[in-house]
Amino acid sequence: MSSTTDKIKGVANEAAGVIKQGAGKAVGNPNLEVKGALQKGMGKTQEAVGKAKDAVKKVIDKA
C-alpha cells in the first residue's frame, strides 16, 4: 500500500470511528462506543504508517 493510500484510509477509519463512538454514546451502547474508539485508534495508526513511509522515502531519495 502506498503512503497516500495509508493516510487516506487512516483518515477514513478515524472519521468512521468518531461517528461510531458518538452514536454509541447517543444511544447508550457501550459496545458500539468501544468499537468506535478502537476504529479511531486504528485510523490514527494507519495514518502514522503512511507518514512514516513518506519519511523513509525522503531519506532514501536524498541518499
Protein backbone atom coordinates (compact mmCIF):
# COMPACT_ATOMS: atom_id res chain seq x y z
CA MET A 1 0.00 0.00 0.00
CA SER A 2 1.30 3.44 -0.82
CA SER A 3 1.81 6.11 1.78
CA THR A 4 -1.02 8.19 0.31
CA THR A 5 -3.40 5.22 0.45
CA ASP A 6 -2.44 4.54 4.06
CA LYS A 7 -3.05 8.17 5.01
CA ILE A 8 -6.43 8.31 3.21
CA LYS A 9 -7.65 5.04 4.70
CA GLY A 10 -6.38 6.15 8.11
CA VAL A 11 -8.36 9.39 7.98
CA ALA A 12 -11.45 7.49 6.80
CA ASN A 13 -11.16 4.94 9.60
CA GLU A 14 -10.62 7.69 12.14
CA ALA A 15 -13.73 9.54 10.95
CA ALA A 16 -15.83 6.37 10.95
CA GLY A 17 -14.60 5.60 14.46
CA VAL A 18 -15.58 9.03 15.71
CA ILE A 19 -19.06 8.59 14.24
CA LYS A 20 -19.46 5.12 15.78
CA GLN A 21 -18.21 6.37 19.12
CA GLY A 22 -20.66 9.28 19.07
CA ALA A 23 -23.53 7.06 18.02
CA GLY A 24 -22.70 4.63 20.82
CA LYS A 25 -22.77 7.45 23.35
CA ALA A 26 -26.01 8.86 21.93
CA VAL A 27 -27.93 5.59 22.08
CA GLY A 28 -26.29 4.30 25.25
CA ASN A 29 -24.50 1.41 23.57
CA PRO A 30 -21.11 0.98 25.25
CA ASN A 31 -20.14 -1.83 22.84
CA LEU A 32 -20.54 0.47 19.82
CA GLU A 33 -18.71 3.22 21.67
CA VAL A 34 -15.72 0.93 22.29
CA LYS A 35 -15.72 -0.29 18.68
CA GLY A 36 -15.67 3.32 17.55
CA ALA A 37 -12.78 4.16 19.81
CA LEU A 38 -10.83 1.16 18.52
CA GLN A 39 -11.51 2.06 14.89
CA LYS A 40 -10.47 5.66 15.58
CA GLY A 41 -7.20 4.41 17.07
CA MET A 42 -6.65 2.08 14.13
CA GLY A 43 -7.14 5.01 11.77
CA LYS A 44 -4.60 7.14 13.62
CA THR A 45 -2.10 4.28 13.47
CA GLN A 46 -2.69 3.72 9.77
CA GLU A 47 -2.22 7.42 9.07
CA ALA A 48 1.03 7.38 11.06
CA VAL A 49 2.27 4.44 8.97
CA GLY A 50 1.65 6.48 5.83
CA LYS A 51 3.59 9.42 7.25
CA ALA A 52 6.45 7.11 8.25
CA LYS A 53 6.59 5.71 4.73
CA ASP A 54 6.87 9.27 3.40
CA ALA A 55 9.72 10.00 5.81
CA VAL A 56 11.60 6.85 4.80
CA LYS A 57 11.11 7.66 1.12
CA LYS A 58 12.52 11.16 1.66
CA VAL A 59 15.64 9.73 3.34
CA ILE A 60 16.12 7.21 0.54
CA ASP A 61 15.65 9.87 -2.12
CA LYS A 62 18.34 12.04 -0.50
CA ALA A 63 20.84 9.16 -0.47
